[in-house]
Amino acid sequence: MKDNKVLKYSYIAVEGNIGAGKTTLSEMLAKEHNYRLILEQFTDNPFLPLFYENPERYAFQVELFFMTERYKQLQEYYTTQDLFQQNTIADYFFLKTLLFANSNLLAEEKRLFQQLFHTLNARFPNPEILVYLHRPIPELKSYIQKRGRSMEETIDPIYLEKVQKAYFGFFKTKPDFPVLVIDMEGVDFVQMPNAYDQIKDLLCQQYDPKVHFLKLKIPMVSG
């Protein structure tokens, strides 16, 4: 059931580690508030299953493919106007391209990749707000297993830790837009309407351009 709450931001990016729930949240918010939705097309990357099995060998290929596909998708979006949907929610932020690459590439590959990234990134605006869904590694593994994507079965918890560290390393750079790091441990916002409502409430508020660490107020369930 829809409410009368109005989200404060016209361009929202939802981020998180693999399995954090960023796509599901983006879809729910976009549907309820009539936002244009940009979803990452990760299943089209032919190198991804190979990367999960052999990260060192296929890291450059998988990251280069991701970057070019994200670039094409965002470029098409920004050159297409929709008179009926002026607001946007995306389940990724283009900068994640660099964060993942910095975690996965060798030094020489990283230098080349960074040059390409900064050239492409200059064409896109930052989101007005970035929502980062933070879950502990064991919980991420549980969600990954539940969604049953065969290519993700071999993801190593160590890799998930690397991804997590990359995001928190970015947060330390003091981004010039608001970042909401929401503690999602034990929170299934699909099954917990109260949790979803609280996330919406957070997006109805104005924030200073810095990183804000937040925790939802989930009522205790008596056994």
N, C-alpha and C. Protein backbone atom coordinates (compact mmCIF):
# COMPACT_ATOMS: atom_id res chain seq x y z
N MET A 1 0.85 -1.21 0.00
CA MET A 1 0.00 0.00 0.00
C MET A 1 0.87 1.24 0.00
N LYS A 2 0.57 2.19 -0.90
CA LYS A 2 1.38 3.39 -1.01
C LYS A 2 1.05 4.38 0.09
N ASP A 3 2.07 5.17 0.45
CA ASP A 3 1.83 6.23 1.41
C ASP A 3 2.08 7.56 0.71
N ASN A 4 1.99 8.64 1.47
CA ASN A 4 2.14 9.97 0.88
C ASN A 4 3.53 10.56 1.06
N LYS A 5 4.46 9.75 1.50
CA LYS A 5 5.81 10.24 1.71
C LYS A 5 6.50 10.51 0.37
N VAL A 6 7.24 11.60 0.33
CA VAL A 6 7.94 12.00 -0.89
C VAL A 6 9.44 11.89 -0.65
N LEU A 7 10.12 11.14 -1.50
CA LEU A 7 11.57 11.03 -1.37
C LEU A 7 12.22 12.35 -1.73
N LYS A 8 13.26 12.72 -1.00
CA LYS A 8 13.89 14.02 -1.15
C LYS A 8 14.79 14.13 -2.37
N TYR A 9 15.15 13.00 -2.96
CA TYR A 9 16.24 13.00 -3.94
C TYR A 9 15.77 12.52 -5.30
N SER A 10 16.23 13.19 -6.35
CA SER A 10 15.81 12.83 -7.70
C SER A 10 16.73 11.80 -8.35
N TYR A 11 17.92 11.60 -7.78
CA TYR A 11 18.83 10.58 -8.30
C TYR A 11 19.42 9.83 -7.11
N ILE A 12 18.95 8.62 -6.91
CA ILE A 12 19.37 7.78 -5.78
C ILE A 12 20.12 6.58 -6.32
N ALA A 13 21.29 6.32 -5.77
CA ALA A 13 22.04 5.10 -6.11
C ALA A 13 22.04 4.19 -4.88
N VAL A 14 21.74 2.93 -5.10
CA VAL A 14 21.74 1.94 -4.02
C VAL A 14 22.92 1.01 -4.25
N GLU A 15 23.76 0.88 -3.24
CA GLU A 15 24.96 0.05 -3.37
C GLU A 15 25.03 -0.95 -2.23
N GLY A 16 25.96 -1.86 -2.35
CA GLY A 16 26.18 -2.87 -1.33
C GLY A 16 27.00 -4.00 -1.90
N ASN A 17 27.43 -4.87 -1.05
CA ASN A 17 28.21 -6.03 -1.47
C ASN A 17 27.31 -6.98 -2.26
N ILE A 18 27.89 -8.01 -2.82
CA ILE A 18 27.13 -9.01 -3.56
C ILE A 18 26.15 -9.69 -2.61
N GLY A 19 24.87 -9.70 -2.97
CA GLY A 19 23.86 -10.33 -2.13
C GLY A 19 23.26 -9.45 -1.06
N ALA A 20 23.60 -8.16 -1.04
CA ALA A 20 23.12 -7.27 0.03
C ALA A 20 21.65 -6.89 -0.13
N GLY A 21 21.11 -6.98 -1.35
CA GLY A 21 19.71 -6.63 -1.56
C GLY A 21 19.50 -5.33 -2.31
N LYS A 22 20.53 -4.83 -2.96
CA LYS A 22 20.43 -3.51 -3.61
C LYS A 22 19.45 -3.49 -4.78
N THR A 23 19.43 -4.56 -5.57
CA THR A 23 18.50 -4.59 -6.71
C THR A 23 17.06 -4.67 -6.23
N THR A 24 16.80 -5.52 -5.25
CA THR A 24 15.44 -5.66 -4.72
C THR A 24 14.94 -4.34 -4.14
N LEU A 25 15.77 -3.67 -3.36
CA LEU A 25 15.36 -2.39 -2.78
C LEU A 25 15.12 -1.36 -3.87
N SER A 26 15.99 -1.30 -4.86
CA SER A 26 15.82 -0.34 -5.96
C SER A 26 14.51 -0.58 -6.69
N GLU A 27 14.19 -1.83 -6.95
CA GLU A 27 12.94 -2.16 -7.64
C GLU A 27 11.73 -1.75 -6.81
N MET A 28 11.77 -2.00 -5.52
CA MET A 28 10.63 -1.66 -4.66
C MET A 28 10.42 -0.15 -4.60
N LEU A 29 11.49 0.60 -4.43
CA LEU A 29 11.39 2.06 -4.34
C LEU A 29 10.93 2.66 -5.66
N ALA A 30 11.49 2.16 -6.76
CA ALA A 30 11.14 2.71 -8.08
C ALA A 30 9.68 2.47 -8.40
N LYS A 31 9.20 1.28 -8.09
CA LYS A 31 7.80 0.95 -8.37
C LYS A 31 6.85 1.80 -7.55
N GLU A 32 7.16 1.96 -6.28
CA GLU A 32 6.26 2.70 -5.39
C GLU A 32 6.25 4.20 -5.68
N HIS A 33 7.41 4.74 -6.05
CA HIS A 33 7.52 6.20 -6.20
C HIS A 33 7.65 6.65 -7.65
N ASN A 34 7.41 5.74 -8.59
CA ASN A 34 7.41 6.06 -10.01
C ASN A 34 8.74 6.70 -10.47
N TYR A 35 9.83 6.07 -10.06
CA TYR A 35 11.16 6.49 -10.50
C TYR A 35 11.60 5.65 -11.69
N ARG A 36 12.38 6.24 -12.57
CA ARG A 36 13.04 5.44 -13.60
C ARG A 36 14.05 4.53 -12.91
N LEU A 37 14.17 3.32 -13.41
CA LEU A 37 14.99 2.31 -12.76
C LEU A 37 16.14 1.89 -13.67
N ILE A 38 17.35 1.96 -13.14
CA ILE A 38 18.53 1.48 -13.86
C ILE A 38 19.08 0.28 -13.09
N LEU A 39 19.07 -0.88 -13.73
CA LEU A 39 19.57 -2.10 -13.11
C LEU A 39 20.81 -2.58 -13.85
N GLU A 40 21.79 -2.96 -13.08
CA GLU A 40 23.03 -3.46 -13.67
C GLU A 40 22.78 -4.79 -14.38
N GLN A 41 23.29 -4.90 -15.61
CA GLN A 41 23.08 -6.11 -16.41
C GLN A 41 24.25 -7.07 -16.26
N PHE A 42 24.48 -7.52 -15.02
CA PHE A 42 25.66 -8.34 -14.75
C PHE A 42 25.61 -9.71 -15.40
N THR A 43 24.41 -10.24 -15.64
CA THR A 43 24.33 -11.60 -16.18
C THR A 43 24.83 -11.67 -17.62
N ASP A 44 24.99 -10.52 -18.28
CA ASP A 44 25.45 -10.52 -19.66
C ASP A 44 26.97 -10.57 -19.77
N ASN A 45 27.67 -10.51 -18.66
CA ASN A 45 29.13 -10.51 -18.70
C ASN A 45 29.64 -11.94 -18.90
N PRO A 46 30.18 -12.27 -20.09
CA PRO A 46 30.59 -13.65 -20.36
C PRO A 46 31.80 -14.09 -19.55
N PHE A 47 32.52 -13.13 -18.97
CA PHE A 47 33.73 -13.46 -18.21
C PHE A 47 33.44 -13.71 -16.72
N LEU A 48 32.22 -13.39 -16.28
CA LEU A 48 31.94 -13.44 -14.85
C LEU A 48 32.04 -14.86 -14.26
N PRO A 49 31.44 -15.87 -14.88
CA PRO A 49 31.61 -17.22 -14.32
C PRO A 49 33.07 -17.66 -14.29
N LEU A 50 33.83 -17.28 -15.31
CA LEU A 50 35.25 -17.62 -15.36
C LEU A 50 36.02 -16.89 -14.26
N PHE A 51 35.62 -15.65 -14.01
CA PHE A 51 36.29 -14.85 -12.98
C PHE A 51 36.08 -15.46 -11.60
N TYR A 52 34.85 -15.90 -11.30
CA TYR A 52 34.59 -16.49 -9.99
C TYR A 52 35.41 -17.76 -9.76
N GLU A 53 35.73 -18.46 -10.85
CA GLU A 53 36.53 -19.67 -10.74
C GLU A 53 38.03 -19.38 -10.71
N ASN A 54 38.45 -18.34 -11.44
CA ASN A 54 39.88 -18.01 -11.54
C ASN A 54 40.04 -16.49 -11.58
N PRO A 55 39.94 -15.81 -10.43
CA PRO A 55 39.94 -14.35 -10.39
C PRO A 55 41.19 -13.70 -10.99
N GLU A 56 42.36 -14.24 -10.72
CA GLU A 56 43.59 -13.60 -11.19
C GLU A 56 43.66 -13.59 -12.72
N ARG A 57 43.22 -14.64 -13.34
CA ARG A 57 43.34 -14.75 -14.80
C ARG A 57 42.33 -13.87 -15.52
N TYR A 58 41.12 -13.76 -14.98
CA TYR A 58 40.04 -13.09 -15.72
C TYR A 58 39.62 -11.75 -15.12
N ALA A 59 40.38 -11.22 -14.17
CA ALA A 59 39.98 -9.98 -13.52
C ALA A 59 39.90 -8.80 -14.49
N PHE A 60 40.93 -8.64 -15.32
CA PHE A 60 40.94 -7.48 -16.22
C PHE A 60 39.80 -7.56 -17.22
N GLN A 61 39.58 -8.74 -17.78
CA GLN A 61 38.50 -8.90 -18.77
C GLN A 61 37.14 -8.60 -18.15
N VAL A 62 36.90 -9.16 -16.96
CA VAL A 62 35.58 -8.97 -16.35
C VAL A 62 35.34 -7.51 -15.96
N GLU A 63 36.37 -6.83 -15.46
CA GLU A 63 36.20 -5.44 -15.05
C GLU A 63 36.07 -4.51 -16.26
N LEU A 64 36.81 -4.78 -17.31
CA LEU A 64 36.71 -3.95 -18.52
C LEU A 64 35.33 -4.10 -19.16
N PHE A 65 34.82 -5.33 -19.18
CA PHE A 65 33.49 -5.55 -19.73
C PHE A 65 32.44 -4.83 -18.89
N PHE A 66 32.52 -4.94 -17.58
CA PHE A 66 31.58 -4.25 -16.70
C PHE A 66 31.62 -2.75 -16.94
N MET A 67 32.81 -2.18 -17.04
CA MET A 67 32.92 -0.74 -17.19
C MET A 67 32.30 -0.27 -18.51
N THR A 68 32.58 -0.96 -19.60
CA THR A 68 32.03 -0.53 -20.88
C THR A 68 30.52 -0.70 -20.92
N GLU A 69 30.00 -1.78 -20.32
CA GLU A 69 28.56 -1.98 -20.32
C GLU A 69 27.85 -0.95 -19.44
N ARG A 70 28.43 -0.65 -18.28
CA ARG A 70 27.83 0.37 -17.42
C ARG A 70 27.86 1.73 -18.11
N TYR A 71 28.97 2.00 -18.78
CA TYR A 71 29.09 3.27 -19.49
C TYR A 71 28.02 3.39 -20.57
N LYS A 72 27.86 2.35 -21.38
CA LYS A 72 26.86 2.38 -22.45
C LYS A 72 25.46 2.55 -21.89
N GLN A 73 25.18 1.85 -20.80
CA GLN A 73 23.85 1.94 -20.20
C GLN A 73 23.57 3.34 -19.68
N LEU A 74 24.50 3.91 -18.94
CA LEU A 74 24.30 5.26 -18.40
C LEU A 74 24.29 6.32 -19.49
N GLN A 75 25.14 6.15 -20.50
CA GLN A 75 25.17 7.10 -21.61
C GLN A 75 23.82 7.12 -22.32
N GLU A 76 23.25 5.94 -22.54
CA GLU A 76 21.94 5.86 -23.18
C GLU A 76 20.87 6.50 -22.29
N TYR A 77 20.98 6.26 -20.99
CA TYR A 77 19.99 6.84 -20.08
C TYR A 77 20.02 8.36 -20.11
N TYR A 78 21.21 8.93 -20.06
CA TYR A 78 21.32 10.39 -19.97
C TYR A 78 21.01 11.09 -21.28
N THR A 79 20.95 10.34 -22.37
CA THR A 79 20.58 10.95 -23.65
C THR A 79 19.12 10.68 -23.99
N THR A 80 18.40 10.01 -23.08
CA THR A 80 16.99 9.71 -23.29
C THR A 80 16.16 10.40 -22.23
N GLN A 81 15.23 11.20 -22.63
CA GLN A 81 14.38 11.92 -21.69
C GLN A 81 13.03 11.22 -21.57
N ASP A 82 12.52 11.12 -20.37
CA ASP A 82 11.20 10.56 -20.11
C ASP A 82 10.39 11.63 -19.38
N LEU A 83 9.40 12.18 -20.08
CA LEU A 83 8.63 13.29 -19.51
C LEU A 83 7.82 12.86 -18.30
N PHE A 84 7.55 11.56 -18.17
CA PHE A 84 6.68 11.09 -17.10
C PHE A 84 7.47 10.57 -15.91
N GLN A 85 8.76 10.34 -16.06
CA GLN A 85 9.59 9.86 -14.96
C GLN A 85 10.89 10.65 -14.94
N GLN A 86 10.89 11.72 -14.18
CA GLN A 86 12.06 12.60 -14.11
C GLN A 86 13.07 12.13 -13.06
N ASN A 87 12.65 11.26 -12.14
CA ASN A 87 13.52 10.82 -11.06
C ASN A 87 14.09 9.43 -11.36
N THR A 88 15.23 9.15 -10.74
CA THR A 88 15.96 7.93 -11.07
C THR A 88 16.46 7.21 -9.83
N ILE A 89 16.35 5.89 -9.85
CA ILE A 89 16.99 5.03 -8.86
C ILE A 89 17.82 4.00 -9.63
N ALA A 90 19.07 3.85 -9.24
CA ALA A 90 19.96 2.88 -9.86
C ALA A 90 20.49 1.92 -8.81
N ASP A 91 20.66 0.65 -9.19
CA ASP A 91 21.19 -0.31 -8.23
C ASP A 91 22.71 -0.41 -8.31
N TYR A 92 23.32 0.61 -8.88
CA TYR A 92 24.78 0.72 -8.85
C TYR A 92 25.19 2.16 -9.08
N PHE A 93 26.41 2.46 -8.72
CA PHE A 93 27.04 3.76 -8.88
C PHE A 93 28.27 3.53 -9.75
N PHE A 94 28.46 4.33 -10.79
CA PHE A 94 29.53 4.05 -11.76
C PHE A 94 30.89 3.91 -11.08
N LEU A 95 31.10 4.59 -9.97
CA LEU A 95 32.38 4.52 -9.27
C LEU A 95 32.70 3.10 -8.79
N LYS A 96 31.68 2.25 -8.62
CA LYS A 96 31.94 0.89 -8.18
C LYS A 96 32.86 0.18 -9.16
N THR A 97 32.83 0.62 -10.43
CA THR A 97 33.72 0.05 -11.44
C THR A 97 35.17 0.15 -10.98
N LEU A 98 35.54 1.32 -10.49
CA LEU A 98 36.92 1.53 -10.05
C LEU A 98 37.20 0.82 -8.73
N LEU A 99 36.23 0.79 -7.83
CA LEU A 99 36.44 0.14 -6.54
C LEU A 99 36.72 -1.35 -6.72
N PHE A 100 35.94 -2.00 -7.56
CA PHE A 100 36.15 -3.43 -7.80
C PHE A 100 37.47 -3.65 -8.53
N ALA A 101 37.77 -2.81 -9.49
CA ALA A 101 39.01 -2.98 -10.25
C ALA A 101 40.23 -2.82 -9.34
N ASN A 102 40.18 -1.85 -8.45
CA ASN A 102 41.31 -1.64 -7.54
C ASN A 102 41.53 -2.84 -6.63
N SER A 103 40.46 -3.57 -6.36
CA SER A 103 40.57 -4.75 -5.50
C SER A 103 41.07 -5.97 -6.26
N ASN A 104 40.83 -6.02 -7.57
CA ASN A 104 41.05 -7.24 -8.32
C ASN A 104 42.25 -7.23 -9.27
N LEU A 105 42.69 -6.04 -9.70
CA LEU A 105 43.68 -5.97 -10.76
C LEU A 105 45.11 -5.89 -10.23
N LEU A 106 46.02 -6.34 -11.08
CA LEU A 106 47.45 -6.18 -10.80
C LEU A 106 47.84 -4.73 -11.05
N ALA A 107 49.01 -4.33 -10.57
CA ALA A 107 49.41 -2.92 -10.58
C ALA A 107 49.39 -2.30 -11.98
N GLU A 108 49.98 -2.97 -12.96
CA GLU A 108 50.02 -2.40 -14.31
C GLU A 108 48.63 -2.33 -14.93
N GLU A 109 47.83 -3.37 -14.70
CA GLU A 109 46.46 -3.35 -15.20
C GLU A 109 45.66 -2.24 -14.54
N LYS A 110 45.90 -2.04 -13.25
CA LYS A 110 45.17 -1.03 -12.49
C LYS A 110 45.44 0.37 -13.02
N ARG A 111 46.69 0.68 -13.36
CA ARG A 111 47.02 2.01 -13.88
C ARG A 111 46.29 2.28 -15.19
N LEU A 112 46.29 1.31 -16.08
CA LEU A 112 45.60 1.47 -17.36
C LEU A 112 44.10 1.62 -17.14
N PHE A 113 43.56 0.80 -16.28
CA PHE A 113 42.12 0.83 -16.01
C PHE A 113 41.71 2.17 -15.42
N GLN A 114 42.50 2.70 -14.51
CA GLN A 114 42.17 3.98 -13.87
C GLN A 114 42.12 5.10 -14.90
N GLN A 115 43.03 5.09 -15.86
CA GLN A 115 43.02 6.12 -16.90
C GLN A 115 41.74 6.06 -17.72
N LEU A 116 41.35 4.85 -18.09
CA LEU A 116 40.11 4.68 -18.87
C LEU A 116 38.90 5.10 -18.05
N PHE A 117 38.89 4.69 -16.79
CA PHE A 117 37.74 4.99 -15.93
C PHE A 117 37.54 6.49 -15.78
N HIS A 118 38.60 7.22 -15.45
CA HIS A 118 38.45 8.66 -15.20
C HIS A 118 38.00 9.41 -16.45
N THR A 119 38.39 8.93 -17.62
CA THR A 119 37.94 9.55 -18.87
C THR A 119 36.43 9.36 -19.03
N LEU A 120 35.95 8.16 -18.76
CA LEU A 120 34.52 7.88 -18.92
C LEU A 120 33.69 8.49 -17.80
N ASN A 121 34.20 8.45 -16.58
CA ASN A 121 33.43 8.91 -15.43
C ASN A 121 33.16 10.41 -15.47
N ALA A 122 34.00 11.16 -16.15
CA ALA A 122 33.83 12.61 -16.21
C ALA A 122 32.53 13.00 -16.89
N ARG A 123 31.90 12.08 -17.60
CA ARG A 123 30.68 12.38 -18.34
C ARG A 123 29.41 12.25 -17.49
N PHE A 124 29.54 11.68 -16.29
CA PHE A 124 28.35 11.38 -15.50
C PHE A 124 28.31 12.18 -14.20
N PRO A 125 27.11 12.61 -13.79
CA PRO A 125 26.98 13.28 -12.49
C PRO A 125 27.00 12.26 -11.35
N ASN A 126 27.35 12.73 -10.17
CA ASN A 126 27.23 11.88 -8.99
C ASN A 126 25.76 11.76 -8.60
N PRO A 127 25.40 10.69 -7.91
CA PRO A 127 24.03 10.63 -7.38
C PRO A 127 23.83 11.72 -6.34
N GLU A 128 22.58 12.09 -6.11
CA GLU A 128 22.30 13.07 -5.06
C GLU A 128 22.48 12.44 -3.68
N ILE A 129 22.28 11.13 -3.61
CA ILE A 129 22.50 10.39 -2.36
C ILE A 129 22.84 8.94 -2.72
N LEU A 130 23.73 8.36 -1.93
CA LEU A 130 24.12 6.97 -2.11
C LEU A 130 23.70 6.18 -0.87
N VAL A 131 22.94 5.13 -1.07
CA VAL A 131 22.51 4.25 0.02
C VAL A 131 23.33 2.97 -0.06
N TYR A 132 24.06 2.67 1.00
CA TYR A 132 24.88 1.46 1.04
C TYR A 132 24.30 0.50 2.06
N LEU A 133 23.89 -0.68 1.59
CA LEU A 133 23.32 -1.71 2.46
C LEU A 133 24.44 -2.60 2.97
N HIS A 134 24.70 -2.53 4.27
CA HIS A 134 25.83 -3.27 4.84
C HIS A 134 25.35 -4.51 5.57
N ARG A 135 25.87 -5.66 5.15
CA ARG A 135 25.58 -6.92 5.82
C ARG A 135 26.88 -7.65 6.14
N PRO A 136 26.92 -8.42 7.23
CA PRO A 136 28.12 -9.22 7.52
C PRO A 136 28.31 -10.31 6.47
N ILE A 137 29.54 -10.75 6.30
CA ILE A 137 29.89 -11.70 5.24
C ILE A 137 29.06 -13.00 5.32
N PRO A 138 28.90 -13.64 6.48
CA PRO A 138 28.09 -14.87 6.53
C PRO A 138 26.66 -14.66 6.05
N GLU A 139 26.11 -13.50 6.34
CA GLU A 139 24.74 -13.22 5.90
C GLU A 139 24.69 -13.03 4.39
N LEU A 140 25.72 -12.40 3.83
CA LEU A 140 25.80 -12.25 2.37
C LEU A 140 25.83 -13.61 1.70
N LYS A 141 26.65 -14.51 2.24
CA LYS A 141 26.74 -15.86 1.67
C LYS A 141 25.38 -16.56 1.71
N SER A 142 24.65 -16.36 2.78
CA SER A 142 23.33 -16.98 2.91
C SER A 142 22.38 -16.45 1.84
N TYR A 143 22.37 -15.13 1.63
CA TYR A 143 21.51 -14.54 0.62
C TYR A 143 21.92 -14.99 -0.79
N ILE A 144 23.22 -15.08 -1.02
CA ILE A 144 23.72 -15.53 -2.33
C ILE A 144 23.25 -16.95 -2.61
N GLN A 145 23.33 -17.80 -1.61
CA GLN A 145 22.89 -19.19 -1.78
C GLN A 145 21.39 -19.28 -2.01
N LYS A 146 20.62 -18.44 -1.34
CA LYS A 146 19.16 -18.47 -1.48
C LYS A 146 18.72 -18.09 -2.88
N ARG A 147 19.41 -17.15 -3.52
CA ARG A 147 18.96 -16.74 -4.85
C ARG A 147 19.40 -17.70 -5.94
N GLY A 148 20.33 -18.59 -5.63
CA GLY A 148 20.59 -19.74 -6.47
C GLY A 148 21.18 -19.49 -7.84
N ARG A 149 22.03 -18.49 -7.97
CA ARG A 149 22.71 -18.26 -9.26
C ARG A 149 23.96 -19.14 -9.31
N SER A 150 23.99 -20.05 -10.27
CA SER A 150 25.06 -21.05 -10.31
C SER A 150 26.45 -20.42 -10.40
N MET A 151 26.55 -19.29 -11.12
CA MET A 151 27.86 -18.66 -11.29
C MET A 151 28.41 -18.10 -9.97
N GLU A 152 27.53 -17.88 -8.98
CA GLU A 152 27.96 -17.30 -7.71
C GLU A 152 28.29 -18.33 -6.65
N GLU A 153 28.10 -19.60 -6.96
CA GLU A 153 28.30 -20.64 -5.96
C GLU A 153 29.74 -20.72 -5.46
N THR A 154 30.69 -20.30 -6.31
CA THR A 154 32.11 -20.42 -5.94
C THR A 154 32.68 -19.14 -5.35
N ILE A 155 31.85 -18.14 -5.09
CA ILE A 155 32.38 -16.89 -4.53
C ILE A 155 32.98 -17.16 -3.16
N ASP A 156 34.23 -16.75 -3.01
CA ASP A 156 34.96 -16.96 -1.76
C ASP A 156 34.61 -15.84 -0.77
N PRO A 157 34.37 -16.17 0.50
CA PRO A 157 34.15 -15.13 1.51
C PRO A 157 35.28 -14.10 1.56
N ILE A 158 36.50 -14.53 1.23
CA ILE A 158 37.63 -13.60 1.22
C ILE A 158 37.41 -12.52 0.16
N TYR A 159 36.84 -12.92 -0.97
CA TYR A 159 36.54 -11.94 -2.02
C TYR A 159 35.48 -10.95 -1.55
N LEU A 160 34.47 -11.44 -0.86
CA LEU A 160 33.44 -10.54 -0.33
C LEU A 160 34.03 -9.55 0.66
N GLU A 161 35.00 -10.00 1.45
CA GLU A 161 35.68 -9.10 2.38
C GLU A 161 36.47 -8.03 1.64
N LYS A 162 37.10 -8.40 0.53
CA LYS A 162 37.84 -7.44 -0.29
C LYS A 162 36.90 -6.37 -0.84
N VAL A 163 35.76 -6.80 -1.32
CA VAL A 163 34.77 -5.86 -1.86
C VAL A 163 34.31 -4.91 -0.76
N GLN A 164 34.02 -5.46 0.41
CA GLN A 164 33.58 -4.64 1.54
C GLN A 164 34.62 -3.60 1.91
N LYS A 165 35.88 -4.01 1.96
CA LYS A 165 36.96 -3.08 2.30
C LYS A 165 37.10 -1.99 1.25
N ALA A 166 36.85 -2.34 -0.01
CA ALA A 166 36.94 -1.34 -1.09
C ALA A 166 35.90 -0.24 -0.90
N TYR A 167 34.68 -0.63 -0.55
CA TYR A 167 33.64 0.36 -0.31
C TYR A 167 33.98 1.25 0.89
N PHE A 168 34.40 0.64 1.98
CA PHE A 168 34.70 1.44 3.16
C PHE A 168 35.95 2.30 2.96
N GLY A 169 36.84 1.85 2.09
CA GLY A 169 37.97 2.71 1.72
C GLY A 169 37.48 3.95 0.99
N PHE A 170 36.50 3.78 0.12
CA PHE A 170 35.92 4.93 -0.58
C PHE A 170 35.23 5.87 0.40
N PHE A 171 34.52 5.33 1.38
CA PHE A 171 33.83 6.19 2.34
C PHE A 171 34.81 7.09 3.08
N LYS A 172 36.02 6.62 3.29
CA LYS A 172 37.03 7.42 4.00
C LYS A 172 37.53 8.60 3.17
N THR A 173 37.25 8.61 1.87
CA THR A 173 37.71 9.70 1.02
C THR A 173 36.85 10.95 1.15
N LYS A 174 35.83 10.89 1.99
CA LYS A 174 34.93 12.02 2.23
C LYS A 174 34.23 12.48 0.95
N PRO A 175 33.35 11.66 0.40
CA PRO A 175 32.63 12.03 -0.82
C PRO A 175 31.83 13.30 -0.63
N ASP A 176 31.64 14.04 -1.73
CA ASP A 176 30.98 15.35 -1.63
C ASP A 176 29.47 15.26 -1.85
N PHE A 177 28.89 14.13 -1.49
CA PHE A 177 27.45 13.95 -1.50
C PHE A 177 27.10 13.03 -0.33
N PRO A 178 25.84 13.03 0.12
CA PRO A 178 25.50 12.19 1.28
C PRO A 178 25.59 10.70 0.96
N VAL A 179 26.15 9.96 1.90
CA VAL A 179 26.21 8.50 1.82
C VAL A 179 25.56 7.94 3.09
N LEU A 180 24.54 7.12 2.93
CA LEU A 180 23.90 6.47 4.07
C LEU A 180 24.37 5.03 4.13
N VAL A 181 25.14 4.69 5.14
CA VAL A 181 25.58 3.31 5.36
C VAL A 181 24.61 2.71 6.38
N ILE A 182 23.73 1.85 5.90
CA ILE A 182 22.67 1.31 6.76
C ILE A 182 23.04 -0.10 7.19
N ASP A 183 23.07 -0.32 8.48
CA ASP A 183 23.35 -1.64 9.03
C ASP A 183 22.13 -2.54 8.79
N MET A 184 22.30 -3.56 7.94
CA MET A 184 21.19 -4.42 7.57
C MET A 184 21.30 -5.81 8.18
N GLU A 185 22.16 -5.98 9.17
CA GLU A 185 22.34 -7.30 9.77
C GLU A 185 21.01 -7.82 10.33
N GLY A 186 20.60 -8.99 9.87
CA GLY A 186 19.37 -9.59 10.36
C GLY A 186 18.10 -8.96 9.84
N VAL A 187 18.21 -8.06 8.86
CA VAL A 187 17.05 -7.32 8.36
C VAL A 187 16.68 -7.80 6.95
N ASP A 188 15.50 -8.36 6.81
CA ASP A 188 14.94 -8.73 5.51
C ASP A 188 13.81 -7.74 5.23
N PHE A 189 14.13 -6.68 4.49
CA PHE A 189 13.14 -5.62 4.29
C PHE A 189 11.98 -6.05 3.39
N VAL A 190 12.12 -7.17 2.70
CA VAL A 190 11.00 -7.70 1.92
C VAL A 190 9.96 -8.31 2.85
N GLN A 191 10.43 -9.03 3.86
CA GLN A 191 9.53 -9.69 4.80
C GLN A 191 9.20 -8.81 6.01
N MET A 192 9.90 -7.70 6.15
CA MET A 192 9.70 -6.81 7.29
C MET A 192 9.25 -5.44 6.79
N PRO A 193 7.94 -5.22 6.62
CA PRO A 193 7.46 -3.93 6.11
C PRO A 193 7.95 -2.75 6.94
N ASN A 194 8.09 -2.94 8.24
CA ASN A 194 8.56 -1.86 9.10
C ASN A 194 9.96 -1.42 8.73
N ALA A 195 10.81 -2.39 8.36
CA ALA A 195 12.18 -2.06 7.96
C ALA A 195 12.19 -1.29 6.65
N TYR A 196 11.38 -1.73 5.70
CA TYR A 196 11.29 -1.03 4.42
C TYR A 196 10.78 0.40 4.62
N ASP A 197 9.78 0.56 5.49
CA ASP A 197 9.26 1.89 5.76
C ASP A 197 10.33 2.80 6.37
N GLN A 198 11.16 2.24 7.23
CA GLN A 198 12.22 3.03 7.84
C GLN A 198 13.25 3.48 6.80
N ILE A 199 13.55 2.62 5.86
CA ILE A 199 14.48 3.01 4.79
C ILE A 199 13.88 4.15 3.98
N LYS A 200 12.60 4.05 3.67
CA LYS A 200 11.93 5.15 2.96
C LYS A 200 11.99 6.44 3.77
N ASP A 201 11.73 6.32 5.08
CA ASP A 201 11.78 7.50 5.94
C ASP A 201 13.15 8.18 5.88
N LEU A 202 14.20 7.37 5.84
CA LEU A 202 15.55 7.93 5.75
C LEU A 202 15.73 8.75 4.48
N LEU A 203 15.10 8.29 3.40
CA LEU A 203 15.24 8.98 2.12
C LEU A 203 14.31 10.18 1.98
N CYS A 204 13.50 10.42 3.01
CA CYS A 204 12.66 11.61 3.04
C CYS A 204 13.32 12.74 3.83
N GLN A 205 14.54 12.52 4.28
CA GLN A 205 15.25 13.51 5.09
C GLN A 205 16.42 14.10 4.30
N GLN A 206 16.84 15.28 4.74
CA GLN A 206 17.97 15.96 4.11
C GLN A 206 19.24 15.66 4.91
N TYR A 207 20.35 15.41 4.20
CA TYR A 207 21.61 15.06 4.87
C TYR A 207 22.75 15.93 4.36
N ASP A 208 23.71 16.15 5.25
CA ASP A 208 24.94 16.84 4.85
C ASP A 208 25.76 15.93 3.94
N PRO A 209 26.60 16.50 3.08
CA PRO A 209 27.43 15.69 2.18
C PRO A 209 28.60 15.02 2.90
N LYS A 210 28.31 13.93 3.56
CA LYS A 210 29.31 13.12 4.25
C LYS A 210 28.75 11.73 4.45
N VAL A 211 29.49 10.87 5.12
CA VAL A 211 29.03 9.50 5.36
C VAL A 211 28.26 9.45 6.68
N HIS A 212 27.06 8.88 6.64
CA HIS A 212 26.21 8.75 7.81
C HIS A 212 26.01 7.26 8.09
N PHE A 213 26.38 6.80 9.28
CA PHE A 213 26.21 5.40 9.66
C PHE A 213 24.91 5.27 10.45
N LEU A 214 24.01 4.45 9.94
CA LEU A 214 22.66 4.37 10.50
C LEU A 214 22.27 2.93 10.79
N LYS A 215 21.39 2.77 11.77
CA LYS A 215 20.88 1.46 12.14
C LYS A 215 19.37 1.54 12.25
N LEU A 216 18.67 0.58 11.63
CA LEU A 216 17.22 0.57 11.70
C LEU A 216 16.75 0.11 13.08
N LYS A 217 15.56 0.55 13.47
CA LYS A 217 14.97 0.16 14.74
C LYS A 217 13.99 -0.98 14.50
N ILE A 218 14.48 -2.18 14.64
CA ILE A 218 13.67 -3.36 14.39
C ILE A 218 13.12 -3.88 15.70
N PRO A 219 11.79 -3.98 15.84
CA PRO A 219 11.21 -4.46 17.11
C PRO A 219 11.57 -5.90 17.39
N MET A 220 11.80 -6.20 18.64
CA MET A 220 12.12 -7.57 19.05
C MET A 220 10.88 -8.46 18.91
N VAL A 221 11.09 -9.68 18.45
CA VAL A 221 10.00 -10.63 18.30
C VAL A 221 10.09 -11.64 19.42
N SER A 222 9.05 -11.73 20.23
CA SER A 222 9.06 -12.64 21.35
C SER A 222 8.84 -14.09 20.87
N GLY A 223 9.56 -15.02 21.49
CA GLY A 223 9.43 -16.42 21.07
C GLY A 223 8.34 -17.14 21.83
